[in-house]
Structures are given as structure tokens and as C-alpha cells.
Amino acid sequence: MSPAVSAVLAEVGPRLKRVRTQRNITLVDLAAATGISKSTLSRLESGQRKPSLELLLPIAQAHKIPLDELVGAPEVGDPRIHLKPQARNGRVVVPLTRQPGALQAWKVVIPPDRKKPELRTHEGYEWLYVLAGELRLILADHDITMTPGEVAEFDTSLPHWFGPAGDRPVEILSLLGRQGERIHVRAAPRRKPSSG
């Protein structure tokens, strides 16, 4: 057994006791709710009994918490991305990609701003999708208002700016290819009408 697994298992007993006492549940109450004897629960909490799924599943159900939270399992193999919003230049930016690479995805919430838009340029290619609100996109000589479900893509070497079109925030998805990578959209081919 690896040291990491041993460390997690060693913490299960104290964690079980902590969860139970935080909820003001006695061993007798937990035994009644799970069908596991009071002595087995006590030995499990003290580390004298090894945790097993047969014991942990009923306890997790009784406490109404996920099994991985109950045992403090490491987040290995969890496909979910735990998003951590960041504040950048007055905007809330949530990175949706974790690995550095050519394409980066972001969810961005942009509050209304009374300042004059400042166009900028940088290397790359950007794709924007409006989730909520109205987006104003200034791109070179174009000044466009976009609504939810609309998409724009452009070369970021062109002067550009985007933000709310009015007095309400706008929420967008942004995909940026820093070296100019473009997004490839695949769609099913149109079906030919059947002749008949």
C-alpha cells in the first residue's frame, strides 16, 4: 500500500468521529441509522477497525454526504474542474482549462463600465460566445452589439475591445489561441430530402 493511501486511511477514523460529533449524533443514533453495531463504529473511529465500503457507504448515507468527502479521498481521477474565479481589470475571469497550451478557455463576467473603450492588440485568435446580457464588440472599424447565443471570432492583432453594451453585466465564454490557432467547428452534414 502506498504511503499516500495509508495516510488517507489513517485519517478516516478521526474524520468519521469529527463528522458525527459536529452533527451532534451519538454512536447509538448512528448505529440505529446504519445497522452497524455501536462497538464496530467505535472501533472504526478509533482506528482499531479498517474502513471498508460495507461500513463507509451506510455511514455516508446516514450523514447525507458524498463518500469521498467522508473519507477525505484525494481528488485523483475526479473529472470535474474546480473553478476558481479571479478578478482581472474589474472583470471576473474563471479559467476553464488547467493545462498551459495553445488554446485557453475562460468564462468572463464583465460589469458595466463608464470608461471610454480602449482598443488593444496582441498575438492570437479569439472566439467569443455570449451567455447572458449584451456584448459590445469593437473590432477595427466595426462596432457590434451581440446577444445571447451569438458568436464572434477574430484575429487579435486587429485593434479590439469588448464589454457590456448597456448598464447590465455581460457573461461570455472566451477561447483564445495565443499563437493564432483558430477554433474548428464541426457540424453534421445536412441531410438530403428523401424523394418519395
C-alpha atoms as a PDB file:
ATOM      1  CA  MET A   1       0.000   0.000   0.000  1.00  0.00           C
ATOM      2  CA  SER A   2       1.397   3.421  -0.942  1.00  0.00           C
ATOM      3  CA  PRO A   3       2.226   5.970   1.780  1.00  0.00           C
ATOM      4  CA  ALA A   4      -0.424   8.327   0.338  1.00  0.00           C
ATOM      5  CA  VAL A   5      -3.159   5.675   0.643  1.00  0.00           C
ATOM      6  CA  SER A   6      -2.010   4.753   4.166  1.00  0.00           C
ATOM      7  CA  ALA A   7      -2.163   8.418   5.180  1.00  0.00           C
ATOM      8  CA  VAL A   8      -5.721   8.780   3.837  1.00  0.00           C
ATOM      9  CA  LEU A   9      -6.834   5.582   5.617  1.00  0.00           C
ATOM     10  CA  ALA A  10      -5.260   6.725   8.899  1.00  0.00           C
ATOM     11  CA  GLU A  11      -7.380   9.892   8.753  1.00  0.00           C
ATOM     12  CA  VAL A  12     -10.682   8.104   8.132  1.00  0.00           C
ATOM     13  CA  GLY A  13     -11.381   7.257  11.797  1.00  0.00           C
ATOM     14  CA  PRO A  14     -10.795  10.771  13.186  1.00  0.00           C
ATOM     15  CA  ARG A  15     -12.764  12.244  10.247  1.00  0.00           C
ATOM     16  CA  LEU A  16     -15.718   9.921  10.940  1.00  0.00           C
ATOM     17  CA  LYS A  17     -15.746  10.954  14.586  1.00  0.00           C
ATOM     18  CA  ARG A  18     -15.448  14.666  13.676  1.00  0.00           C
ATOM     19  CA  VAL A  19     -18.378  14.465  11.227  1.00  0.00           C
ATOM     20  CA  ARG A  20     -20.526  12.614  13.747  1.00  0.00           C
ATOM     21  CA  THR A  21     -19.792  14.962  16.667  1.00  0.00           C
ATOM     22  CA  GLN A  22     -20.242  18.106  14.543  1.00  0.00           C
ATOM     23  CA  ARG A  23     -23.746  16.852  13.786  1.00  0.00           C
ATOM     24  CA  ASN A  24     -24.439  16.026  17.457  1.00  0.00           C
ATOM     25  CA  ILE A  25     -25.117  12.373  16.633  1.00  0.00           C
ATOM     26  CA  THR A  26     -24.325   9.682  19.216  1.00  0.00           C
ATOM     27  CA  LEU A  27     -22.825   6.311  18.361  1.00  0.00           C
ATOM     28  CA  VAL A  28     -26.157   4.753  19.392  1.00  0.00           C
ATOM     29  CA  ASP A  29     -28.049   7.017  16.941  1.00  0.00           C
ATOM     30  CA  LEU A  30     -25.603   6.257  14.130  1.00  0.00           C
ATOM     31  CA  ALA A  31     -25.791   2.512  14.851  1.00  0.00           C
ATOM     32  CA  ALA A  32     -29.594   2.689  14.587  1.00  0.00           C
ATOM     33  CA  ALA A  33     -29.408   4.670  11.305  1.00  0.00           C
ATOM     34  CA  THR A  34     -26.807   2.417   9.661  1.00  0.00           C
ATOM     35  CA  GLY A  35     -27.436  -1.052  11.080  1.00  0.00           C
ATOM     36  CA  ILE A  36     -23.748  -1.195  12.120  1.00  0.00           C
ATOM     37  CA  SER A  37     -23.094  -2.089  15.760  1.00  0.00           C
ATOM     38  CA  LYS A  38     -22.044   0.632  18.193  1.00  0.00           C
ATOM     39  CA  SER A  39     -18.820  -1.259  19.010  1.00  0.00           C
ATOM     40  CA  THR A  40     -17.878  -1.567  15.314  1.00  0.00           C
ATOM     41  CA  LEU A  41     -18.498   2.178  14.810  1.00  0.00           C
ATOM     42  CA  SER A  42     -16.389   2.961  17.888  1.00  0.00           C
ATOM     43  CA  ARG A  43     -13.505   0.749  16.690  1.00  0.00           C
ATOM     44  CA  LEU A  44     -13.757   2.318  13.227  1.00  0.00           C
ATOM     45  CA  GLU A  45     -13.493   5.844  14.676  1.00  0.00           C
ATOM     46  CA  SER A  46     -10.544   4.905  16.921  1.00  0.00           C
ATOM     47  CA  GLY A  47      -8.651   3.265  14.042  1.00  0.00           C
ATOM     48  CA  GLN A  48      -8.844  -0.234  15.545  1.00  0.00           C
ATOM     49  CA  ARG A  49     -11.030  -1.382  12.622  1.00  0.00           C
ATOM     50  CA  LYS A  50     -10.063  -0.902   8.980  1.00  0.00           C
ATOM     51  CA  PRO A  51     -12.592   1.086   6.936  1.00  0.00           C
ATOM     52  CA  SER A  52     -14.396  -0.825   4.186  1.00  0.00           C
ATOM     53  CA  LEU A  53     -17.059   0.131   1.667  1.00  0.00           C
ATOM     54  CA  GLU A  54     -19.608  -2.038   3.508  1.00  0.00           C
ATOM     55  CA  LEU A  55     -19.103   0.163   6.580  1.00  0.00           C
ATOM     56  CA  LEU A  56     -18.479   3.545   4.949  1.00  0.00           C
ATOM     57  CA  LEU A  57     -21.386   3.595   2.470  1.00  0.00           C
ATOM     58  CA  PRO A  58     -24.151   3.363   5.120  1.00  0.00           C
ATOM     59  CA  ILE A  59     -22.357   5.990   7.234  1.00  0.00           C
ATOM     60  CA  ALA A  60     -22.080   8.384   4.263  1.00  0.00           C
ATOM     61  CA  GLN A  61     -25.782   7.823   3.507  1.00  0.00           C
ATOM     62  CA  ALA A  62     -26.758   8.432   7.128  1.00  0.00           C
ATOM     63  CA  HIS A  63     -24.825  11.737   7.161  1.00  0.00           C
ATOM     64  CA  LYS A  64     -26.056  12.588   3.625  1.00  0.00           C
ATOM     65  CA  ILE A  65     -22.557  13.438   2.390  1.00  0.00           C
ATOM     66  CA  PRO A  66     -20.530  12.038  -0.524  1.00  0.00           C
ATOM     67  CA  LEU A  67     -18.265   9.120   0.302  1.00  0.00           C
ATOM     68  CA  ASP A  68     -15.117  10.917  -0.929  1.00  0.00           C
ATOM     69  CA  GLU A  69     -15.871  13.821   1.414  1.00  0.00           C
ATOM     70  CA  LEU A  70     -16.422  11.433   4.316  1.00  0.00           C
ATOM     71  CA  VAL A  71     -13.072   9.704   3.859  1.00  0.00           C
ATOM     72  CA  GLY A  72     -11.120  12.730   2.599  1.00  0.00           C
ATOM     73  CA  ALA A  73     -10.096  10.943  -0.572  1.00  0.00           C
ATOM     74  CA  PRO A  74      -7.619  12.780  -2.775  1.00  0.00           C
ATOM     75  CA  GLU A  75      -9.070  14.344  -5.928  1.00  0.00           C
ATOM     76  CA  VAL A  76      -7.302  11.863  -8.189  1.00  0.00           C
ATOM     77  CA  GLY A  77      -9.429  10.832 -11.128  1.00  0.00           C
ATOM     78  CA  ASP A  78     -12.160  13.403 -10.450  1.00  0.00           C
ATOM     79  CA  PRO A  79     -13.147  14.711 -13.897  1.00  0.00           C
ATOM     80  CA  ARG A  80     -14.703  17.878 -12.523  1.00  0.00           C
ATOM     81  CA  ILE A  81     -12.726  21.099 -12.743  1.00  0.00           C
ATOM     82  CA  HIS A  82     -12.930  23.091  -9.543  1.00  0.00           C
ATOM     83  CA  LEU A  83     -13.237  26.614 -10.864  1.00  0.00           C
ATOM     84  CA  LYS A  84     -11.515  29.444  -9.040  1.00  0.00           C
ATOM     85  CA  PRO A  85     -12.760  32.871 -10.144  1.00  0.00           C
ATOM     86  CA  GLN A  86     -10.138  35.613 -10.416  1.00  0.00           C
ATOM     87  CA  ALA A  87     -10.554  39.385 -10.583  1.00  0.00           C
ATOM     88  CA  ARG A  88      -8.747  40.932 -13.556  1.00  0.00           C
ATOM     89  CA  ASN A  89      -9.092  44.581 -14.541  1.00  0.00           C
ATOM     90  CA  GLY A  90     -12.533  44.786 -12.911  1.00  0.00           C
ATOM     91  CA  ARG A  91     -13.728  41.604 -14.619  1.00  0.00           C
ATOM     92  CA  VAL A  92     -14.428  38.209 -13.062  1.00  0.00           C
ATOM     93  CA  VAL A  93     -12.469  35.624 -15.020  1.00  0.00           C
ATOM     94  CA  VAL A  94     -12.881  31.877 -14.499  1.00  0.00           C
ATOM     95  CA  PRO A  95     -10.248  29.723 -16.235  1.00  0.00           C
ATOM     96  CA  LEU A  96     -11.859  26.618 -17.735  1.00  0.00           C
ATOM     97  CA  THR A  97      -8.591  24.997 -18.857  1.00  0.00           C
ATOM     98  CA  ARG A  98      -5.989  23.872 -16.364  1.00  0.00           C
ATOM     99  CA  GLN A  99      -3.072  22.947 -18.573  1.00  0.00           C
ATOM    100  CA  PRO A 100      -0.959  25.520 -20.327  1.00  0.00           C
ATOM    101  CA  GLY A 101      -1.248  25.150 -24.040  1.00  0.00           C
ATOM    102  CA  ALA A 102      -2.207  26.670 -27.323  1.00  0.00           C
ATOM    103  CA  LEU A 103      -5.904  27.168 -26.577  1.00  0.00           C
ATOM    104  CA  GLN A 104      -7.194  28.663 -23.341  1.00  0.00           C
ATOM    105  CA  ALA A 105     -10.883  28.802 -22.352  1.00  0.00           C
ATOM    106  CA  TRP A 106     -12.395  31.345 -19.956  1.00  0.00           C
ATOM    107  CA  LYS A 107     -15.786  32.252 -18.615  1.00  0.00           C
ATOM    108  CA  VAL A 108     -15.832  36.031 -18.156  1.00  0.00           C
ATOM    109  CA  VAL A 109     -18.353  38.250 -16.350  1.00  0.00           C
ATOM    110  CA  ILE A 110     -17.868  41.909 -17.259  1.00  0.00           C
ATOM    111  CA  PRO A 111     -19.640  44.601 -15.189  1.00  0.00           C
ATOM    112  CA  PRO A 112     -20.819  47.832 -16.838  1.00  0.00           C
ATOM    113  CA  ASP A 113     -18.074  50.449 -17.103  1.00  0.00           C
ATOM    114  CA  ARG A 114     -18.465  54.145 -17.898  1.00  0.00           C
ATOM    115  CA  LYS A 115     -14.892  54.500 -19.177  1.00  0.00           C
ATOM    116  CA  LYS A 116     -14.224  55.020 -22.854  1.00  0.00           C
ATOM    117  CA  PRO A 117     -13.307  51.697 -24.518  1.00  0.00           C
ATOM    118  CA  GLU A 118      -9.557  51.326 -25.053  1.00  0.00           C
ATOM    119  CA  LEU A 119      -8.766  49.192 -28.079  1.00  0.00           C
ATOM    120  CA  ARG A 120      -5.773  46.894 -27.809  1.00  0.00           C
ATOM    121  CA  THR A 121      -3.918  44.347 -29.887  1.00  0.00           C
ATOM    122  CA  HIS A 122      -1.985  41.200 -29.055  1.00  0.00           C
ATOM    123  CA  GLU A 123      -0.915  37.971 -30.670  1.00  0.00           C
ATOM    124  CA  GLY A 124      -3.593  35.344 -31.090  1.00  0.00           C
ATOM    125  CA  TYR A 125      -7.051  34.496 -32.335  1.00  0.00           C
ATOM    126  CA  GLU A 126     -10.162  34.851 -30.139  1.00  0.00           C
ATOM    127  CA  TRP A 127     -13.610  33.277 -30.184  1.00  0.00           C
ATOM    128  CA  LEU A 128     -16.403  34.817 -28.037  1.00  0.00           C
ATOM    129  CA  TYR A 129     -19.800  33.330 -27.178  1.00  0.00           C
ATOM    130  CA  VAL A 130     -22.401  35.455 -25.360  1.00  0.00           C
ATOM    131  CA  LEU A 131     -24.038  33.542 -22.499  1.00  0.00           C
ATOM    132  CA  ALA A 132     -26.082  36.361 -20.899  1.00  0.00           C
ATOM    133  CA  GLY A 133     -26.539  40.090 -21.361  1.00  0.00           C
ATOM    134  CA  GLU A 134     -25.498  42.126 -24.385  1.00  0.00           C
ATOM    135  CA  LEU A 135     -21.896  42.350 -25.555  1.00  0.00           C
ATOM    136  CA  ARG A 136     -20.450  45.317 -27.366  1.00  0.00           C
ATOM    137  CA  LEU A 137     -17.552  44.317 -29.593  1.00  0.00           C
ATOM    138  CA  ILE A 138     -15.422  46.989 -31.202  1.00  0.00           C
ATOM    139  CA  LEU A 139     -13.144  45.436 -33.816  1.00  0.00           C
ATOM    140  CA  ALA A 140     -11.151  47.795 -36.043  1.00  0.00           C
ATOM    141  CA  ASP A 141     -13.889  49.828 -37.825  1.00  0.00           C
ATOM    142  CA  HIS A 142     -16.794  47.626 -36.646  1.00  0.00           C
ATOM    143  CA  ASP A 143     -18.971  48.397 -33.590  1.00  0.00           C
ATOM    144  CA  ILE A 144     -21.280  45.416 -32.980  1.00  0.00           C
ATOM    145  CA  THR A 145     -23.853  44.562 -30.302  1.00  0.00           C
ATOM    146  CA  MET A 146     -24.241  40.821 -29.686  1.00  0.00           C
ATOM    147  CA  THR A 147     -26.971  38.979 -27.751  1.00  0.00           C
ATOM    148  CA  PRO A 148     -27.020  35.559 -26.003  1.00  0.00           C
ATOM    149  CA  GLY A 149     -26.166  32.705 -28.360  1.00  0.00           C
ATOM    150  CA  GLU A 150     -24.201  34.860 -30.788  1.00  0.00           C
ATOM    151  CA  VAL A 151     -20.575  34.105 -31.593  1.00  0.00           C
ATOM    152  CA  ALA A 152     -17.705  36.229 -32.895  1.00  0.00           C
ATOM    153  CA  GLU A 153     -14.199  35.217 -33.877  1.00  0.00           C
ATOM    154  CA  PHE A 154     -11.340  37.489 -34.833  1.00  0.00           C
ATOM    155  CA  ASP A 155      -7.618  37.934 -35.167  1.00  0.00           C
ATOM    156  CA  THR A 156      -6.447  39.738 -32.011  1.00  0.00           C
ATOM    157  CA  SER A 157      -3.762  41.602 -33.955  1.00  0.00           C
ATOM    158  CA  LEU A 158      -6.684  43.837 -35.038  1.00  0.00           C
ATOM    159  CA  PRO A 159      -7.469  46.645 -32.537  1.00  0.00           C
ATOM    160  CA  HIS A 160     -10.350  45.390 -30.381  1.00  0.00           C
ATOM    161  CA  TRP A 161     -12.350  45.878 -27.184  1.00  0.00           C
ATOM    162  CA  PHE A 162     -15.389  44.122 -25.735  1.00  0.00           C
ATOM    163  CA  GLY A 163     -17.660  44.756 -22.760  1.00  0.00           C
ATOM    164  CA  PRO A 164     -21.305  45.294 -21.804  1.00  0.00           C
ATOM    165  CA  ALA A 165     -23.438  47.048 -24.412  1.00  0.00           C
ATOM    166  CA  GLY A 166     -25.540  48.746 -21.737  1.00  0.00           C
ATOM    167  CA  ASP A 167     -25.932  49.178 -17.991  1.00  0.00           C
ATOM    168  CA  ARG A 168     -26.023  45.468 -17.169  1.00  0.00           C
ATOM    169  CA  PRO A 169     -23.175  42.927 -16.875  1.00  0.00           C
ATOM    170  CA  VAL A 170     -22.436  40.580 -19.744  1.00  0.00           C
ATOM    171  CA  GLU A 171     -21.335  36.951 -19.370  1.00  0.00           C
ATOM    172  CA  ILE A 172     -19.271  35.318 -22.110  1.00  0.00           C
ATOM    173  CA  LEU A 173     -17.161  32.291 -22.968  1.00  0.00           C
ATOM    174  CA  SER A 174     -13.808  33.188 -24.471  1.00  0.00           C
ATOM    175  CA  LEU A 175     -11.435  30.836 -26.295  1.00  0.00           C
ATOM    176  CA  LEU A 176      -8.053  32.310 -27.066  1.00  0.00           C
ATOM    177  CA  GLY A 177      -5.385  30.749 -29.261  1.00  0.00           C
ATOM    178  CA  ARG A 178      -2.271  32.710 -28.348  1.00  0.00           C
ATOM    179  CA  GLN A 179      -0.331  31.636 -31.433  1.00  0.00           C
ATOM    180  CA  GLY A 180      -3.255  32.339 -33.724  1.00  0.00           C
ATOM    181  CA  GLU A 181      -4.891  28.901 -33.526  1.00  0.00           C
ATOM    182  CA  ARG A 182      -8.447  29.052 -34.793  1.00  0.00           C
ATOM    183  CA  ILE A 183     -11.433  27.189 -33.434  1.00  0.00           C
ATOM    184  CA  HIS A 184     -12.713  24.427 -35.730  1.00  0.00           C
ATOM    185  CA  VAL A 185     -16.472  23.985 -35.542  1.00  0.00           C
ATOM    186  CA  ARG A 186     -17.739  20.632 -36.741  1.00  0.00           C
ATOM    187  CA  ALA A 187     -21.358  20.159 -37.719  1.00  0.00           C
ATOM    188  CA  ALA A 188     -23.322  17.241 -39.068  1.00  0.00           C
ATOM    189  CA  PRO A 189     -23.835  17.390 -42.839  1.00  0.00           C
ATOM    190  CA  ARG A 190     -27.272  18.438 -43.988  1.00  0.00           C
ATOM    191  CA  ARG A 191     -29.474  15.529 -44.936  1.00  0.00           C
ATOM    192  CA  LYS A 192     -30.846  15.428 -48.427  1.00  0.00           C
ATOM    193  CA  PRO A 193     -34.618  15.374 -48.515  1.00  0.00           C
ATOM    194  CA  SER A 194     -35.843  11.918 -49.362  1.00  0.00           C
ATOM    195  CA  SER A 195     -37.546  11.590 -52.696  1.00  0.00           C
ATOM    196  CA  GLY A 196     -40.580   9.573 -52.480  1.00  0.00           C
END
